[in-house]
All heavy atoms as atom14 arrays in JSON, in Angstrom:
{
  "sequence": "LAWGFTPEELKLFPEIEVNYSMYPAKMLPGCRVFVKTTATSDRHA",
  "atom14_mask": [
    [1, 1, 1, 1, 1, 1, 1, 1, 0, 0, 0, 0, 0, 0],
    [1, 1, 1, 1, 1, 0, 0, 0, 0, 0, 0, 0, 0, 0],
    [1, 1, 1, 1, 1, 1, 1, 1, 1, 1, 1, 1, 1, 1],
    [1, 1, 1, 1, 0, 0, 0, 0, 0, 0, 0, 0, 0, 0],
    [1, 1, 1, 1, 1, 1, 1, 1, 1, 1, 1, 0, 0, 0],
    [1, 1, 1, 1, 1, 1, 1, 0, 0, 0, 0, 0, 0, 0],
    [1, 1, 1, 1, 1, 1, 1, 0, 0, 0, 0, 0, 0, 0],
    [1, 1, 1, 1, 1, 1, 1, 1, 1, 0, 0, 0, 0, 0],
    [1, 1, 1, 1, 1, 1, 1, 1, 1, 0, 0, 0, 0, 0],
    [1, 1, 1, 1, 1, 1, 1, 1, 0, 0, 0, 0, 0, 0],
    [1, 1, 1, 1, 1, 1, 1, 1, 1, 0, 0, 0, 0, 0],
    [1, 1, 1, 1, 1, 1, 1, 1, 0, 0, 0, 0, 0, 0],
    [1, 1, 1, 1, 1, 1, 1, 1, 1, 1, 1, 0, 0, 0],
    [1, 1, 1, 1, 1, 1, 1, 0, 0, 0, 0, 0, 0, 0],
    [1, 1, 1, 1, 1, 1, 1, 1, 1, 0, 0, 0, 0, 0],
    [1, 1, 1, 1, 1, 1, 1, 1, 0, 0, 0, 0, 0, 0],
    [1, 1, 1, 1, 1, 1, 1, 1, 1, 0, 0, 0, 0, 0],
    [1, 1, 1, 1, 1, 1, 1, 0, 0, 0, 0, 0, 0, 0],
    [1, 1, 1, 1, 1, 1, 1, 1, 0, 0, 0, 0, 0, 0],
    [1, 1, 1, 1, 1, 1, 1, 1, 1, 1, 1, 1, 0, 0],
    [1, 1, 1, 1, 1, 1, 0, 0, 0, 0, 0, 0, 0, 0],
    [1, 1, 1, 1, 1, 1, 1, 1, 0, 0, 0, 0, 0, 0],
    [1, 1, 1, 1, 1, 1, 1, 1, 1, 1, 1, 1, 0, 0],
    [1, 1, 1, 1, 1, 1, 1, 0, 0, 0, 0, 0, 0, 0],
    [1, 1, 1, 1, 1, 0, 0, 0, 0, 0, 0, 0, 0, 0],
    [1, 1, 1, 1, 1, 1, 1, 1, 1, 0, 0, 0, 0, 0],
    [1, 1, 1, 1, 1, 1, 1, 1, 0, 0, 0, 0, 0, 0],
    [1, 1, 1, 1, 1, 1, 1, 1, 0, 0, 0, 0, 0, 0],
    [1, 1, 1, 1, 1, 1, 1, 0, 0, 0, 0, 0, 0, 0],
    [1, 1, 1, 1, 0, 0, 0, 0, 0, 0, 0, 0, 0, 0],
    [1, 1, 1, 1, 1, 1, 0, 0, 0, 0, 0, 0, 0, 0],
    [1, 1, 1, 1, 1, 1, 1, 1, 1, 1, 1, 0, 0, 0],
    [1, 1, 1, 1, 1, 1, 1, 0, 0, 0, 0, 0, 0, 0],
    [1, 1, 1, 1, 1, 1, 1, 1, 1, 1, 1, 0, 0, 0],
    [1, 1, 1, 1, 1, 1, 1, 0, 0, 0, 0, 0, 0, 0],
    [1, 1, 1, 1, 1, 1, 1, 1, 1, 0, 0, 0, 0, 0],
    [1, 1, 1, 1, 1, 1, 1, 0, 0, 0, 0, 0, 0, 0],
    [1, 1, 1, 1, 1, 1, 1, 0, 0, 0, 0, 0, 0, 0],
    [1, 1, 1, 1, 1, 0, 0, 0, 0, 0, 0, 0, 0, 0],
    [1, 1, 1, 1, 1, 1, 1, 0, 0, 0, 0, 0, 0, 0],
    [1, 1, 1, 1, 1, 1, 0, 0, 0, 0, 0, 0, 0, 0],
    [1, 1, 1, 1, 1, 1, 1, 1, 0, 0, 0, 0, 0, 0],
    [1, 1, 1, 1, 1, 1, 1, 1, 1, 1, 1, 0, 0, 0],
    [1, 1, 1, 1, 1, 1, 1, 1, 1, 1, 0, 0, 0, 0],
    [1, 1, 1, 1, 1, 0, 0, 0, 0, 0, 0, 0, 0, 0]
  ],
  "atom14_positions": [
    [[-11.63, -5.69, -42.47], [-11.89, -6.89, -41.68], [-12.08, -8.08, -42.6], [-12.33, -7.93, -43.81], [-13.12, -6.7, -40.8], [-13.15, -5.45, -39.91], [-14.41, -5.44, -39.07], [-11.92, -5.39, -39.03], [0.0, 0.0, 0.0], [0.0, 0.0, 0.0], [0.0, 0.0, 0.0], [0.0, 0.0, 0.0], [0.0, 0.0, 0.0], [0.0, 0.0, 0.0]],
    [[-11.96, -9.29, -42.02], [-12.07, -10.51, -42.81], [-12.59, -11.64, -41.95], [-12.39, -11.65, -40.73], [-10.71, -10.88, -43.42], [0.0, 0.0, 0.0], [0.0, 0.0, 0.0], [0.0, 0.0, 0.0], [0.0, 0.0, 0.0], [0.0, 0.0, 0.0], [0.0, 0.0, 0.0], [0.0, 0.0, 0.0], [0.0, 0.0, 0.0], [0.0, 0.0, 0.0]],
    [[-13.26, -12.58, -42.58], [-13.68, -13.83, -41.94], [-13.8, -14.9, -43.02], [-13.68, -14.6, -44.23], [-15.01, -13.66, -41.19], [-16.17, -13.32, -42.06], [-16.96, -14.16, -42.78], [-16.7, -12.0, -42.3], [-17.93, -13.48, -43.46], [-17.8, -12.16, -43.17], [-16.36, -10.73, -41.86], [-18.54, -11.08, -43.62], [-17.1, -9.66, -42.3], [-18.18, -9.83, -43.16]],
    [[-14.03, -16.13, -42.59], [-14.05, -17.24, -43.54], [-15.29, -18.1, -43.39], [-15.97, -18.08, -42.36], [0.0, 0.0, 0.0], [0.0, 0.0, 0.0], [0.0, 0.0, 0.0], [0.0, 0.0, 0.0], [0.0, 0.0, 0.0], [0.0, 0.0, 0.0], [0.0, 0.0, 0.0], [0.0, 0.0, 0.0], [0.0, 0.0, 0.0], [0.0, 0.0, 0.0]],
    [[-15.57, -18.85, -44.45], [-16.66, -19.82, -44.47], [-16.07, -21.18, -44.83], [-15.33, -21.31, -45.81], [-17.74, -19.45, -45.49], [-18.56, -18.25, -45.12], [-18.43, -17.06, -45.82], [-19.46, -18.31, -44.06], [-19.18, -15.96, -45.48], [-20.21, -17.2, -43.71], [-20.08, -16.02, -44.42], [0.0, 0.0, 0.0], [0.0, 0.0, 0.0], [0.0, 0.0, 0.0]],
    [[-16.39, -22.19, -44.03], [-15.98, -23.56, -44.35], [-16.9, -24.12, -45.44], [-17.95, -23.53, -45.74], [-16.07, -24.43, -43.1], [-17.44, -24.47, -42.65], [-15.19, -23.85, -41.98], [0.0, 0.0, 0.0], [0.0, 0.0, 0.0], [0.0, 0.0, 0.0], [0.0, 0.0, 0.0], [0.0, 0.0, 0.0], [0.0, 0.0, 0.0], [0.0, 0.0, 0.0]],
    [[-16.52, -25.25, -46.06], [-17.42, -25.83, -47.07], [-18.81, -26.14, -46.53], [-19.8, -26.02, -47.26], [-16.67, -27.09, -47.5], [-15.23, -26.79, -47.26], [-15.22, -25.93, -46.04], [0.0, 0.0, 0.0], [0.0, 0.0, 0.0], [0.0, 0.0, 0.0], [0.0, 0.0, 0.0], [0.0, 0.0, 0.0], [0.0, 0.0, 0.0], [0.0, 0.0, 0.0]],
    [[-18.9, -26.55, -45.26], [-20.21, -26.83, -44.68], [-21.03, -25.55, -44.52], [-22.26, -25.58, -44.66], [-20.04, -27.53, -43.33], [-19.38, -28.9, -43.43], [-20.2, -29.87, -44.25], [-21.45, -29.76, -44.23], [-19.61, -30.73, -44.94], [0.0, 0.0, 0.0], [0.0, 0.0, 0.0], [0.0, 0.0, 0.0], [0.0, 0.0, 0.0], [0.0, 0.0, 0.0]],
    [[-20.37, -24.45, -44.19], [-21.07, -23.18, -44.03], [-21.4, -22.55, -45.38], [-22.37, -21.79, -45.49], [-20.23, -22.22, -43.2], [-19.99, -22.7, -41.78], [-18.96, -21.86, -41.04], [-18.33, -20.99, -41.69], [-18.79, -22.07, -39.83], [0.0, 0.0, 0.0], [0.0, 0.0, 0.0], [0.0, 0.0, 0.0], [0.0, 0.0, 0.0], [0.0, 0.0, 0.0]],
    [[-20.62, -22.86, -46.4], [-20.9, -22.29, -47.73], [-22.17, -22.88, -48.32], [-22.81, -22.25, -49.17], [-19.72, -22.55, -48.66], [-19.6, -21.65, -49.89], [-19.33, -20.22, -49.48], [-18.5, -22.13, -50.82], [0.0, 0.0, 0.0], [0.0, 0.0, 0.0], [0.0, 0.0, 0.0], [0.0, 0.0, 0.0], [0.0, 0.0, 0.0], [0.0, 0.0, 0.0]],
    [[-22.56, -24.07, -47.86], [-23.79, -24.69, -48.36], [-25.03, -23.93, -47.9], [-26.11, -24.1, -48.47], [-23.89, -26.13, -47.86], [-22.74, -27.02, -48.28], [-22.88, -28.38, -47.65], [-21.66, -29.26, -47.94], [-21.76, -30.58, -47.27], [0.0, 0.0, 0.0], [0.0, 0.0, 0.0], [0.0, 0.0, 0.0], [0.0, 0.0, 0.0], [0.0, 0.0, 0.0]],
    [[-24.92, -23.09, -46.88], [-26.08, -22.39, -46.33], [-26.52, -21.2, -47.18], [-27.6, -20.65, -46.94], [-25.77, -21.92, -44.9], [-25.36, -23.03, -43.92], [-25.01, -22.42, -42.58], [-26.46, -24.06, -43.78], [0.0, 0.0, 0.0], [0.0, 0.0, 0.0], [0.0, 0.0, 0.0], [0.0, 0.0, 0.0], [0.0, 0.0, 0.0], [0.0, 0.0, 0.0]],
    [[-25.68, -20.77, -48.12], [-26.1, -19.69, -49.01], [-27.25, -20.19, -49.9], [-27.22, -21.31, -50.4], [-24.94, -19.24, -49.88], [-24.0, -18.29, -49.2], [-22.9, -18.76, -48.51], [-24.22, -16.92, -49.25], [-22.04, -17.89, -47.88], [-23.36, -16.04, -48.62], [-22.26, -16.53, -47.93], [0.0, 0.0, 0.0], [0.0, 0.0, 0.0], [0.0, 0.0, 0.0]],
    [[-28.28, -19.39, -50.09], [-29.42, -19.86, -50.91], [-29.03, -20.18, -52.34], [-29.63, -21.06, -52.96], [-30.42, -18.71, -50.81], [-29.62, -17.52, -50.4], [-28.5, -18.03, -49.57], [0.0, 0.0, 0.0], [0.0, 0.0, 0.0], [0.0, 0.0, 0.0], [0.0, 0.0, 0.0], [0.0, 0.0, 0.0], [0.0, 0.0, 0.0], [0.0, 0.0, 0.0]],
    [[-28.02, -19.49, -52.9], [-27.61, -19.78, -54.27], [-26.96, -21.16, -54.4], [-27.06, -21.79, -55.46], [-26.63, -18.7, -54.75], [-27.22, -17.31, -54.86], [-27.21, -16.57, -53.56], [-26.72, -17.13, -52.56], [-27.68, -15.41, -53.52], [0.0, 0.0, 0.0], [0.0, 0.0, 0.0], [0.0, 0.0, 0.0], [0.0, 0.0, 0.0], [0.0, 0.0, 0.0]],
    [[-26.31, -21.62, -53.33], [-25.69, -22.95, -53.34], [-26.71, -24.02, -52.93], [-26.73, -25.11, -53.48], [-24.47, -22.98, -52.41], [-23.46, -21.9, -52.83], [-23.8, -24.34, -52.43], [-22.85, -22.08, -54.18], [0.0, 0.0, 0.0], [0.0, 0.0, 0.0], [0.0, 0.0, 0.0], [0.0, 0.0, 0.0], [0.0, 0.0, 0.0], [0.0, 0.0, 0.0]],
    [[-27.55, -23.67, -51.97], [-28.5, -24.65, -51.43], [-29.54, -25.06, -52.46], [-29.97, -26.21, -52.48], [-29.17, -24.05, -50.2], [-30.04, -25.01, -49.43], [-30.62, -24.37, -48.19], [-30.46, -23.14, -48.02], [-31.24, -25.09, -47.38], [0.0, 0.0, 0.0], [0.0, 0.0, 0.0], [0.0, 0.0, 0.0], [0.0, 0.0, 0.0], [0.0, 0.0, 0.0]],
    [[-29.94, -24.15, -53.33], [-30.99, -24.48, -54.28], [-30.5, -25.44, -55.36], [-31.28, -26.22, -55.92], [-31.55, -23.18, -54.91], [-30.53, -22.53, -55.82], [-32.85, -23.44, -55.64], [0.0, 0.0, 0.0], [0.0, 0.0, 0.0], [0.0, 0.0, 0.0], [0.0, 0.0, 0.0], [0.0, 0.0, 0.0], [0.0, 0.0, 0.0], [0.0, 0.0, 0.0]],
    [[-29.2, -25.42, -55.67], [-28.63, -26.32, -56.69], [-27.46, -27.11, -56.12], [-26.44, -27.29, -56.77], [-28.15, -25.52, -57.92], [-29.3, -24.93, -58.72], [-30.36, -25.53, -58.83], [-29.09, -23.74, -59.26], [0.0, 0.0, 0.0], [0.0, 0.0, 0.0], [0.0, 0.0, 0.0], [0.0, 0.0, 0.0], [0.0, 0.0, 0.0], [0.0, 0.0, 0.0]],
    [[-27.62, -27.57, -54.88], [-26.51, -28.26, -54.24], [-26.16, -29.57, -54.94], [-25.0, -29.99, -54.98], [-26.83, -28.52, -52.77], [-25.74, -29.24, -52.04], [-24.52, -28.61, -51.79], [-25.91, -30.55, -51.6], [-23.5, -29.26, -51.13], [-24.89, -31.21, -50.93], [-23.69, -30.56, -50.69], [-22.69, -31.2, -50.04], [0.0, 0.0, 0.0], [0.0, 0.0, 0.0]],
    [[-27.17, -30.24, -55.52], [-26.9, -31.51, -56.21], [-26.11, -31.31, -57.49], [-25.59, -32.29, -58.04], [-28.22, -32.21, -56.53], [-29.04, -31.38, -57.35], [0.0, 0.0, 0.0], [0.0, 0.0, 0.0], [0.0, 0.0, 0.0], [0.0, 0.0, 0.0], [0.0, 0.0, 0.0], [0.0, 0.0, 0.0], [0.0, 0.0, 0.0], [0.0, 0.0, 0.0]],
    [[-25.99, -30.08, -57.97], [-25.24, -29.84, -59.19], [-23.73, -29.94, -58.96], [-22.98, -30.27, -59.89], [-25.58, -28.44, -59.73], [-24.88, -28.05, -61.01], [-25.28, -26.37, -61.53], [-24.49, -25.43, -60.21], [0.0, 0.0, 0.0], [0.0, 0.0, 0.0], [0.0, 0.0, 0.0], [0.0, 0.0, 0.0], [0.0, 0.0, 0.0], [0.0, 0.0, 0.0]],
    [[-23.27, -29.69, -57.72], [-21.84, -29.7, -57.44], [-21.39, -31.12, -57.11], [-22.11, -31.86, -56.42], [-21.53, -28.76, -56.28], [-21.96, -27.34, -56.53], [-23.19, -26.86, -56.09], [-21.15, -26.47, -57.23], [-23.59, -25.57, -56.34], [-21.53, -25.15, -57.49], [-22.76, -24.73, -57.04], [-23.16, -23.44, -57.29], [0.0, 0.0, 0.0], [0.0, 0.0, 0.0]],
    [[-20.19, -31.51, -57.56], [-19.69, -32.85, -57.23], [-19.49, -33.01, -55.73], [-19.25, -32.04, -55.0], [-18.35, -32.92, -57.99], [-18.45, -31.87, -59.05], [-19.3, -30.79, -58.48], [0.0, 0.0, 0.0], [0.0, 0.0, 0.0], [0.0, 0.0, 0.0], [0.0, 0.0, 0.0], [0.0, 0.0, 0.0], [0.0, 0.0, 0.0], [0.0, 0.0, 0.0]],
    [[-19.57, -34.25, -55.26], [-19.44, -34.52, -53.84], [-18.03, -34.2, -53.36], [-17.04, -34.54, -54.0], [-19.78, -35.99, -53.55], [0.0, 0.0, 0.0], [0.0, 0.0, 0.0], [0.0, 0.0, 0.0], [0.0, 0.0, 0.0], [0.0, 0.0, 0.0], [0.0, 0.0, 0.0], [0.0, 0.0, 0.0], [0.0, 0.0, 0.0], [0.0, 0.0, 0.0]],
    [[-17.95, -33.53, -52.21], [-16.69, -33.2, -51.55], [-15.77, -32.33, -52.41], [-14.55, -32.36, -52.26], [-15.94, -34.46, -51.12], [-16.71, -35.31, -50.12], [-15.9, -36.52, -49.7], [-16.69, -37.36, -48.69], [-15.91, -38.55, -48.26], [0.0, 0.0, 0.0], [0.0, 0.0, 0.0], [0.0, 0.0, 0.0], [0.0, 0.0, 0.0], [0.0, 0.0, 0.0]],
    [[-16.34, -31.58, -53.33], [-15.55, -30.66, -54.15], [-15.88, -29.2, -53.87], [-15.2, -28.32, -54.38], [-15.74, -30.93, -55.64], [-14.96, -32.09, -56.16], [-14.93, -32.15, -57.96], [-13.92, -33.61, -58.24], [0.0, 0.0, 0.0], [0.0, 0.0, 0.0], [0.0, 0.0, 0.0], [0.0, 0.0, 0.0], [0.0, 0.0, 0.0], [0.0, 0.0, 0.0]],
    [[-16.91, -28.96, -53.07], [-17.28, -27.59, -52.77], [-16.27, -27.0, -51.79], [-16.08, -27.54, -50.69], [-18.69, -27.53, -52.18], [-19.33, -26.15, -52.08], [-19.58, -25.59, -53.47], [-20.63, -26.23, -51.3], [0.0, 0.0, 0.0], [0.0, 0.0, 0.0], [0.0, 0.0, 0.0], [0.0, 0.0, 0.0], [0.0, 0.0, 0.0], [0.0, 0.0, 0.0]],
    [[-15.58, -25.92, -52.14], [-14.52, -25.39, -51.26], [-15.09, -24.39, -50.26], [-16.26, -24.0, -50.3], [-13.58, -24.71, -52.25], [-14.52, -24.18, -53.3], [-15.67, -25.16, -53.39], [0.0, 0.0, 0.0], [0.0, 0.0, 0.0], [0.0, 0.0, 0.0], [0.0, 0.0, 0.0], [0.0, 0.0, 0.0], [0.0, 0.0, 0.0], [0.0, 0.0, 0.0]],
    [[-14.23, -23.94, -49.36], [-14.55, -22.82, -48.5], [-14.09, -21.52, -49.14], [-13.56, -21.5, -50.26], [0.0, 0.0, 0.0], [0.0, 0.0, 0.0], [0.0, 0.0, 0.0], [0.0, 0.0, 0.0], [0.0, 0.0, 0.0], [0.0, 0.0, 0.0], [0.0, 0.0, 0.0], [0.0, 0.0, 0.0], [0.0, 0.0, 0.0], [0.0, 0.0, 0.0]],
    [[-14.29, -20.41, -48.45], [-13.9, -19.12, -49.01], [-13.55, -18.17, -47.88], [-13.88, -18.39, -46.71], [-15.0, -18.53, -49.9], [-16.48, -18.01, -49.01], [0.0, 0.0, 0.0], [0.0, 0.0, 0.0], [0.0, 0.0, 0.0], [0.0, 0.0, 0.0], [0.0, 0.0, 0.0], [0.0, 0.0, 0.0], [0.0, 0.0, 0.0], [0.0, 0.0, 0.0]],
    [[-12.9, -17.12, -48.25], [-12.49, -16.07, -47.32], [-13.08, -14.76, -47.8], [-13.01, -14.44, -49.0], [-10.97, -15.98, -47.28], [-10.41, -15.1, -46.17], [-10.45, -15.77, -44.84], [-9.8, -14.98, -43.8], [-9.9, -15.23, -42.51], [-10.64, -16.25, -42.11], [-9.28, -14.49, -41.63], [0.0, 0.0, 0.0], [0.0, 0.0, 0.0], [0.0, 0.0, 0.0]],
    [[-13.68, -14.0, -46.88], [-14.36, -12.76, -47.21], [-13.55, -11.61, -46.61], [-13.29, -11.59, -45.4], [-15.8, -12.75, -46.67], [-16.49, -11.43, -47.02], [-16.58, -13.92, -47.22], [0.0, 0.0, 0.0], [0.0, 0.0, 0.0], [0.0, 0.0, 0.0], [0.0, 0.0, 0.0], [0.0, 0.0, 0.0], [0.0, 0.0, 0.0], [0.0, 0.0, 0.0]],
    [[-13.17, -10.66, -47.46], [-12.43, -9.48, -47.04], [-13.33, -8.26, -47.27], [-13.71, -7.99, -48.41], [-11.13, -9.32, -47.83], [-10.2, -10.49, -47.71], [-10.28, -11.56, -48.58], [-9.23, -10.52, -46.71], [-9.43, -12.64, -48.47], [-8.37, -11.59, -46.59], [-8.47, -12.65, -47.47], [0.0, 0.0, 0.0], [0.0, 0.0, 0.0], [0.0, 0.0, 0.0]],
    [[-13.64, -7.56, -46.19], [-14.5, -6.38, -46.26], [-13.62, -5.14, -46.13], [-12.98, -4.93, -45.1], [-15.57, -6.39, -45.15], [-16.47, -5.16, -45.26], [-16.39, -7.67, -45.24], [0.0, 0.0, 0.0], [0.0, 0.0, 0.0], [0.0, 0.0, 0.0], [0.0, 0.0, 0.0], [0.0, 0.0, 0.0], [0.0, 0.0, 0.0], [0.0, 0.0, 0.0]],
    [[-13.6, -4.33, -47.18], [-12.82, -3.1, -47.19], [-13.74, -1.93, -46.92], [-14.72, -1.73, -47.64], [-12.11, -2.93, -48.54], [-11.15, -1.76, -48.58], [-10.41, -1.72, -49.91], [-9.42, -0.56, -49.95], [-8.7, -0.5, -51.25], [0.0, 0.0, 0.0], [0.0, 0.0, 0.0], [0.0, 0.0, 0.0], [0.0, 0.0, 0.0], [0.0, 0.0, 0.0]],
    [[-13.44, -1.17, -45.89], [-14.26, -0.02, -45.5], [-13.45, 1.27, -45.63], [-12.22, 1.24, -45.82], [-14.75, -0.17, -44.06], [-13.63, -0.11, -43.16], [-15.46, -1.5, -43.86], [0.0, 0.0, 0.0], [0.0, 0.0, 0.0], [0.0, 0.0, 0.0], [0.0, 0.0, 0.0], [0.0, 0.0, 0.0], [0.0, 0.0, 0.0], [0.0, 0.0, 0.0]],
    [[-14.13, 2.38, -45.5], [-13.47, 3.68, -45.53], [-13.01, 4.13, -44.16], [-12.54, 5.26, -44.0], [-14.41, 4.74, -46.12], [-15.61, 4.79, -45.33], [-14.78, 4.39, -47.56], [0.0, 0.0, 0.0], [0.0, 0.0, 0.0], [0.0, 0.0, 0.0], [0.0, 0.0, 0.0], [0.0, 0.0, 0.0], [0.0, 0.0, 0.0], [0.0, 0.0, 0.0]],
    [[-13.16, 3.27, -43.13], [-12.73, 3.62, -41.79], [-11.2, 3.65, -41.73], [-10.51, 2.99, -42.51], [-13.27, 2.61, -40.77], [0.0, 0.0, 0.0], [0.0, 0.0, 0.0], [0.0, 0.0, 0.0], [0.0, 0.0, 0.0], [0.0, 0.0, 0.0], [0.0, 0.0, 0.0], [0.0, 0.0, 0.0], [0.0, 0.0, 0.0], [0.0, 0.0, 0.0]],
    [[-10.69, 4.42, -40.8], [-9.24, 4.56, -40.65], [-8.69, 3.69, -39.53], [-7.5, 3.76, -39.22], [-8.88, 6.02, -40.37], [-9.62, 6.49, -39.24], [-9.2, 6.88, -41.59], [0.0, 0.0, 0.0], [0.0, 0.0, 0.0], [0.0, 0.0, 0.0], [0.0, 0.0, 0.0], [0.0, 0.0, 0.0], [0.0, 0.0, 0.0], [0.0, 0.0, 0.0]],
    [[-9.52, 2.87, -38.89], [-9.06, 1.97, -37.84], [-10.0, 0.77, -37.78], [-11.15, 0.83, -38.23], [-9.01, 2.67, -36.48], [-10.31, 3.04, -36.06], [0.0, 0.0, 0.0], [0.0, 0.0, 0.0], [0.0, 0.0, 0.0], [0.0, 0.0, 0.0], [0.0, 0.0, 0.0], [0.0, 0.0, 0.0], [0.0, 0.0, 0.0], [0.0, 0.0, 0.0]],
    [[-9.49, -0.33, -37.2], [-10.32, -1.52, -37.06], [-11.47, -1.29, -36.08], [-12.53, -1.91, -36.19], [-9.46, -2.69, -36.59], [-8.42, -3.09, -37.63], [-8.59, -2.69, -38.8], [-7.45, -3.8, -37.28], [0.0, 0.0, 0.0], [0.0, 0.0, 0.0], [0.0, 0.0, 0.0], [0.0, 0.0, 0.0], [0.0, 0.0, 0.0], [0.0, 0.0, 0.0]],
    [[-11.28, -0.41, -35.1], [-12.35, -0.13, -34.14], [-13.56, 0.49, -34.82], [-14.7, 0.07, -34.58], [-11.81, 0.82, -33.06], [-12.8, 1.11, -31.93], [-12.13, 1.93, -30.85], [-11.92, 3.3, -31.31], [-12.76, 4.3, -31.08], [-13.89, 4.07, -30.42], [-12.5, 5.52, -31.51], [0.0, 0.0, 0.0], [0.0, 0.0, 0.0], [0.0, 0.0, 0.0]],
    [[-13.33, 1.45, -35.69], [-14.45, 2.05, -36.42], [-15.07, 1.06, -37.39], [-16.3, 1.08, -37.6], [-13.97, 3.29, -37.16], [-13.65, 4.43, -36.27], [-13.04, 5.59, -36.72], [-13.85, 4.62, -34.94], [-12.89, 6.43, -35.71], [-13.36, 5.86, -34.61], [0.0, 0.0, 0.0], [0.0, 0.0, 0.0], [0.0, 0.0, 0.0], [0.0, 0.0, 0.0]],
    [[-14.27, 0.2, -38.0], [-14.83, -0.8, -38.91], [-15.69, -1.8, -38.16], [-16.75, -2.22, -38.67], [-13.7, -1.51, -39.65], [0.0, 0.0, 0.0], [0.0, 0.0, 0.0], [0.0, 0.0, 0.0], [0.0, 0.0, 0.0], [0.0, 0.0, 0.0], [0.0, 0.0, 0.0], [0.0, 0.0, 0.0], [0.0, 0.0, 0.0], [0.0, 0.0, 0.0]]
  ]
}
């Protein structure tokens, strides 16, 4: 399975929020998260 985070949602991570002023303005990107499981179907995952 997979989902994504926009740049606004990526700011909510505590690792980003604690040092948010360290990143340049409007340069923080979004990301895509891919979760690989041992299930053999999307229903079980």
